[in-house]
Amino acid sequence: MTQLLGKTAIVTGAAQGIGRGIALVLAQDGADIAIADVDEPRARETAGEIAALGRKALAVRCDLIDQRSLQAMVDRVLAEFGKIDILVNNAGVYGAAGWQREERWRSADWDATFQVNVRGTVFCSEAVAPHMIGRRAGKIVNIGSSASREASPLSPHYHASKAGLLMYTQCLALQLAPYDINVNCVCPAMVWTQMQIDISNWRYEVKGEQAASPRSIFEERMRKRCPLGRDTTPEDIGWAVSFLASDRARNMTGQALHVDGGAVMR
């Protein structure tokens, strides 16, 4: 497909996982991609995969909670590509140290999730928005979660951060609508990326759940949560983002698109 041909996109957290899947789909659909990530070596690997697709690619080390680092990233992308058409705020964290159950609700976990999942999205959007406003054009897609619409006793900090991101999406959509800029959100549920791997490993190794492997624990949870009963892949999320970043979604803004196998209905 070429629905994004001639467009330039920034994808945060695209060195691996869902972000990498999004970046590759956008490139397949014609966009040139800037990968903004703290993990520069892996970001370069993703950039190499994009270049192999015949698209321009730029890997930029960027710390989302450092506004100077963000502005430097935006300046470098503009110097390299000349414009920014699409911003995908994908980068996110579960807590201060990943899936660490013994200290589940430390203040550090609350700080980390809100710093990256909410403030990082706010700061990145604010760094890119002036350019989009000046051009009176742009697409911003935030990557939320089905956690934004459900409660959990295990991870209140993560769920609260994703609920905050969903509301910010709507607020930003209202702010930028007068400038013909669309702001939407894609909400995955269970995707076999590092976070779900860590959760499954914890259930298998620490909690002692009976299963053949951590992967089989994930599959059983997925079948219970998702009516369709099959994996959601990073590419599934990428296809939804590509749609929202295209002119086919020109009259959608402030919306949350759930790509979760129906989990939001549970």
Protein backbone atom coordinates (compact mmCIF):
# COMPACT_ATOMS: atom_id res chain seq x y z
CA MET A 1 0.00 0.00 0.00
CA THR A 2 1.05 3.61 -0.53
CA GLN A 3 -1.51 5.52 1.51
CA LEU A 4 1.31 7.28 3.41
CA LEU A 5 3.62 7.88 0.47
CA GLY A 6 5.55 11.11 0.92
CA LYS A 7 4.75 11.35 4.64
CA THR A 8 7.25 11.56 7.48
CA ALA A 9 6.49 9.93 10.83
CA ILE A 10 8.11 9.96 14.26
CA VAL A 11 7.48 6.79 16.25
CA THR A 12 8.64 6.83 19.87
CA GLY A 13 9.74 3.61 21.50
CA ALA A 14 10.14 1.93 18.11
CA ALA A 15 13.33 0.03 18.85
CA GLN A 16 11.31 -3.08 19.67
CA GLY A 17 7.86 -4.48 20.37
CA ILE A 18 4.70 -2.68 19.33
CA GLY A 19 6.62 0.45 18.31
CA ARG A 20 8.83 -1.51 15.94
CA GLY A 21 5.74 -3.14 14.41
CA ILE A 22 4.11 0.26 13.93
CA ALA A 23 7.22 1.73 12.33
CA LEU A 24 7.53 -1.15 9.87
CA VAL A 25 3.86 -0.97 8.83
CA LEU A 26 4.04 2.79 8.30
CA ALA A 27 7.16 2.28 6.18
CA GLN A 28 5.44 -0.46 4.17
CA ASP A 29 2.62 2.03 3.54
CA GLY A 30 5.07 4.58 2.16
CA ALA A 31 6.21 6.75 5.08
CA ASP A 32 9.75 7.73 6.00
CA ILE A 33 10.37 7.01 9.67
CA ALA A 34 12.25 8.60 12.55
CA ILE A 35 12.70 6.17 15.45
CA ALA A 36 13.00 7.97 18.78
CA ASP A 37 14.14 5.66 21.58
CA VAL A 38 16.50 5.52 24.55
CA ASP A 39 17.86 2.24 23.15
CA GLU A 40 19.87 3.62 20.24
CA PRO A 41 21.49 0.32 19.13
CA ARG A 42 18.12 -1.39 18.73
CA ALA A 43 16.66 1.74 17.16
CA ARG A 44 19.38 1.51 14.53
CA GLU A 45 18.40 -2.11 13.88
CA THR A 46 14.80 -1.06 13.26
CA ALA A 47 16.06 1.75 11.02
CA GLY A 48 18.00 -0.81 9.02
CA GLU A 49 14.84 -2.87 8.50
CA ILE A 50 12.99 0.24 7.30
CA ALA A 51 15.79 1.18 4.93
CA ALA A 52 15.59 -2.34 3.49
CA LEU A 53 11.97 -1.55 2.58
CA GLY A 54 13.18 1.37 0.48
CA ARG A 55 12.16 4.12 2.88
CA LYS A 56 14.29 6.75 4.60
CA ALA A 57 14.97 5.98 8.25
CA LEU A 58 16.58 7.86 11.11
CA ALA A 59 17.38 6.48 14.57
CA VAL A 60 17.57 9.16 17.27
CA ARG A 61 18.37 8.58 20.92
CA CYS A 62 15.73 10.43 22.90
CA ASP A 63 14.65 10.60 26.55
CA LEU A 64 10.94 11.41 26.63
CA ILE A 65 11.00 12.92 30.10
CA ASP A 66 13.78 15.35 29.16
CA GLN A 67 12.25 18.24 27.22
CA ARG A 68 15.64 19.35 25.87
CA SER A 69 16.26 15.85 24.54
CA LEU A 70 12.82 15.88 22.91
CA GLN A 71 13.34 19.24 21.27
CA ALA A 72 16.76 18.15 20.00
CA MET A 73 15.12 15.04 18.50
CA VAL A 74 12.42 17.10 16.76
CA ASP A 75 15.00 19.56 15.44
CA ARG A 76 17.10 16.71 14.04
CA VAL A 77 14.09 15.10 12.34
CA LEU A 78 13.15 18.42 10.74
CA ALA A 79 16.73 18.94 9.59
CA GLU A 80 16.80 15.46 8.07
CA PHE A 81 13.32 15.22 6.57
CA GLY A 82 12.10 18.82 6.37
CA LYS A 83 8.68 18.13 7.90
CA ILE A 84 6.73 15.99 10.33
CA ASP A 85 3.36 14.70 9.18
CA ILE A 86 2.73 11.99 11.77
CA LEU A 87 3.62 11.57 15.43
CA VAL A 88 3.06 8.20 17.10
CA ASN A 89 3.42 8.41 20.87
CA ASN A 90 4.09 4.74 21.53
CA ALA A 91 6.80 4.65 24.22
CA GLY A 92 5.56 3.44 27.58
CA VAL A 93 6.61 1.62 30.74
CA TYR A 94 4.93 -0.64 33.25
CA GLY A 95 6.80 0.67 36.29
CA ALA A 96 10.16 1.72 37.62
CA ALA A 97 11.74 -1.71 37.24
CA GLY A 98 9.36 -3.66 35.03
CA TRP A 99 7.24 -6.45 36.50
CA GLN A 100 8.54 -6.44 40.09
CA ARG A 101 5.78 -7.78 42.30
CA GLU A 102 7.41 -7.56 45.70
CA GLU A 103 7.32 -3.74 45.66
CA ARG A 104 4.28 -3.41 43.47
CA TRP A 105 2.97 -0.01 44.40
CA ARG A 106 6.10 1.94 45.26
CA SER A 107 6.01 5.66 44.64
CA ALA A 108 8.77 5.03 42.07
CA ASP A 109 6.34 2.94 40.00
CA TRP A 110 3.73 5.69 40.05
CA ASP A 111 6.36 8.27 39.14
CA ALA A 112 7.79 6.22 36.28
CA THR A 113 4.46 5.34 34.66
CA PHE A 114 3.14 8.88 34.76
CA GLN A 115 6.47 10.41 33.72
CA VAL A 116 6.73 8.27 30.59
CA ASN A 117 3.17 7.20 29.73
CA VAL A 118 1.53 10.58 30.33
CA ARG A 119 4.09 13.37 30.61
CA GLY A 120 6.30 11.88 27.91
CA THR A 121 3.35 11.92 25.53
CA VAL A 122 2.47 15.48 26.55
CA PHE A 123 6.04 16.74 26.13
CA CYS A 124 6.52 15.03 22.77
CA SER A 125 3.21 16.32 21.45
CA GLU A 126 4.05 19.84 22.61
CA ALA A 127 7.43 19.64 20.87
CA VAL A 128 5.87 18.62 17.54
CA ALA A 129 2.60 20.57 17.66
CA PRO A 130 4.01 24.02 16.74
CA HIS A 131 5.37 22.60 13.47
CA MET A 132 2.04 20.94 12.67
CA ILE A 133 0.09 24.08 13.62
CA GLY A 134 2.30 26.13 11.30
CA ARG A 135 1.50 23.78 8.43
CA ARG A 136 -2.18 23.39 9.48
CA ALA A 137 -1.83 19.66 9.04
CA GLY A 138 -0.82 16.64 11.04
CA LYS A 139 -1.81 13.34 12.62
CA ILE A 140 -1.01 12.39 16.20
CA VAL A 141 -1.71 8.82 17.32
CA ASN A 142 -1.22 7.85 20.95
CA ILE A 143 -0.82 4.22 21.94
CA GLY A 144 -3.02 3.54 24.92
CA SER A 145 -4.27 0.25 26.30
CA SER A 146 -7.42 -1.65 27.14
CA ALA A 147 -6.18 -0.97 30.69
CA SER A 148 -7.53 2.57 30.24
CA ARG A 149 -11.08 1.19 30.55
CA GLU A 150 -10.69 -1.49 33.19
CA ALA A 151 -9.60 -1.63 36.81
CA SER A 152 -6.96 -3.95 38.24
CA PRO A 153 -5.84 -4.69 41.81
CA LEU A 154 -2.39 -5.69 40.49
CA SER A 155 -1.36 -2.57 38.59
CA PRO A 156 -3.28 0.58 39.54
CA HIS A 157 -0.40 2.85 38.52
CA TYR A 158 -0.32 1.47 34.96
CA HIS A 159 -4.09 1.48 34.48
CA ALA A 160 -4.40 5.00 35.87
CA SER A 161 -1.65 6.26 33.56
CA LYS A 162 -3.37 4.79 30.50
CA ALA A 163 -6.73 6.25 31.56
CA GLY A 164 -5.01 9.62 31.85
CA LEU A 165 -3.53 9.20 28.38
CA LEU A 166 -6.98 8.53 26.95
CA MET A 167 -8.37 11.76 28.40
CA TYR A 168 -5.31 13.71 27.25
CA THR A 169 -5.95 12.41 23.73
CA GLN A 170 -9.39 14.00 23.78
CA CYS A 171 -8.14 17.26 25.30
CA LEU A 172 -5.37 17.56 22.72
CA ALA A 173 -7.82 16.73 19.93
CA LEU A 174 -9.96 19.69 20.97
CA GLN A 175 -6.94 21.97 21.21
CA LEU A 176 -5.62 21.10 17.75
CA ALA A 177 -8.86 20.64 15.80
CA PRO A 178 -8.93 24.32 14.67
CA TYR A 179 -5.62 23.66 12.88
CA ASP A 180 -6.84 20.56 10.99
CA ILE A 181 -4.76 18.24 13.16
CA ASN A 182 -6.25 14.88 14.12
CA VAL A 183 -5.45 13.26 17.46
CA ASN A 184 -6.54 9.71 18.17
CA CYS A 185 -5.60 6.71 20.29
CA VAL A 186 -5.11 3.01 19.57
CA CYS A 187 -5.70 0.68 22.52
CA PRO A 188 -4.16 -2.81 22.41
CA ALA A 189 -4.75 -5.51 25.00
CA MET A 190 -2.58 -8.62 25.07
CA VAL A 191 0.36 -8.46 22.68
CA TRP A 192 3.28 -10.89 23.11
CA THR A 193 5.91 -8.24 23.75
CA GLN A 194 8.38 -7.85 26.61
CA MET A 195 5.78 -6.69 29.14
CA GLN A 196 3.57 -9.73 28.58
CA ILE A 197 6.63 -11.98 28.57
CA ASP A 198 7.64 -10.57 31.97
CA ILE A 199 4.11 -10.99 33.36
CA SER A 200 3.92 -14.59 32.13
CA ASN A 201 7.36 -15.39 33.51
CA TRP A 202 6.31 -14.00 36.90
CA ARG A 203 3.13 -16.07 36.93
CA TYR A 204 5.11 -19.18 35.97
CA GLU A 205 8.24 -18.78 38.09
CA VAL A 206 7.12 -16.75 41.12
CA LYS A 207 3.43 -17.40 41.46
CA GLY A 208 3.84 -21.04 40.42
CA GLU A 209 0.91 -21.29 38.02
CA GLN A 210 0.57 -24.74 36.51
CA ALA A 211 1.33 -24.60 32.80
CA ALA A 212 3.66 -26.05 30.21
CA SER A 213 5.45 -22.71 29.77
CA PRO A 214 5.09 -18.96 30.32
CA ARG A 215 3.80 -18.69 26.73
CA SER A 216 1.00 -21.17 27.47
CA ILE A 217 -0.02 -19.03 30.48
CA PHE A 218 -0.26 -16.04 28.15
CA GLU A 219 -2.34 -18.00 25.64
CA GLU A 220 -4.78 -19.19 28.31
CA ARG A 221 -5.21 -15.64 29.67
CA MET A 222 -5.65 -14.34 26.14
CA ARG A 223 -8.40 -16.87 25.37
CA LYS A 224 -10.27 -15.85 28.54
CA ARG A 225 -9.93 -12.10 27.93
CA CYS A 226 -10.32 -11.86 24.17
CA PRO A 227 -13.54 -13.15 22.58
CA LEU A 228 -11.77 -13.69 19.24
CA GLY A 229 -9.32 -15.94 21.06
CA ARG A 230 -6.24 -15.12 19.02
CA ASP A 231 -3.08 -13.06 19.35
CA THR A 232 -3.00 -9.35 18.70
CA THR A 233 0.31 -8.65 16.97
CA PRO A 234 2.41 -5.48 16.70
CA GLU A 235 1.43 -5.44 13.02
CA ASP A 236 -2.26 -5.36 13.99
CA ILE A 237 -1.57 -2.20 15.96
CA GLY A 238 0.47 -0.80 13.07
CA TRP A 239 -2.40 -1.29 10.61
CA ALA A 240 -4.74 0.65 12.90
CA VAL A 241 -2.18 3.45 13.32
CA SER A 242 -1.62 3.63 9.57
CA PHE A 243 -5.35 4.05 9.02
CA LEU A 244 -5.60 6.84 11.59
CA ALA A 245 -2.53 8.52 10.08
CA SER A 246 -4.07 8.48 6.60
CA ASP A 247 -6.59 10.73 4.88
CA ARG A 248 -9.14 7.93 5.20
CA ALA A 249 -9.49 8.92 8.86
CA ARG A 250 -9.69 12.65 8.14
CA ASN A 251 -12.94 13.07 10.10
CA MET A 252 -11.88 11.04 13.13
CA THR A 253 -10.41 12.86 16.12
CA GLY A 254 -10.48 12.30 19.88
CA GLN A 255 -11.31 8.63 19.33
CA ALA A 256 -10.02 5.44 20.95
CA LEU A 257 -9.72 2.52 18.54
CA HIS A 258 -9.57 -0.76 20.46
CA VAL A 259 -7.49 -3.40 18.68
CA ASP A 260 -7.78 -6.08 21.33
CA GLY A 261 -9.69 -9.09 20.02
CA GLY A 262 -12.78 -7.82 21.80
CA ALA A 263 -11.19 -7.66 25.28
CA VAL A 264 -12.79 -4.26 25.95
CA MET A 265 -16.20 -6.00 26.04
CA ARG A 266 -15.26 -8.31 28.89
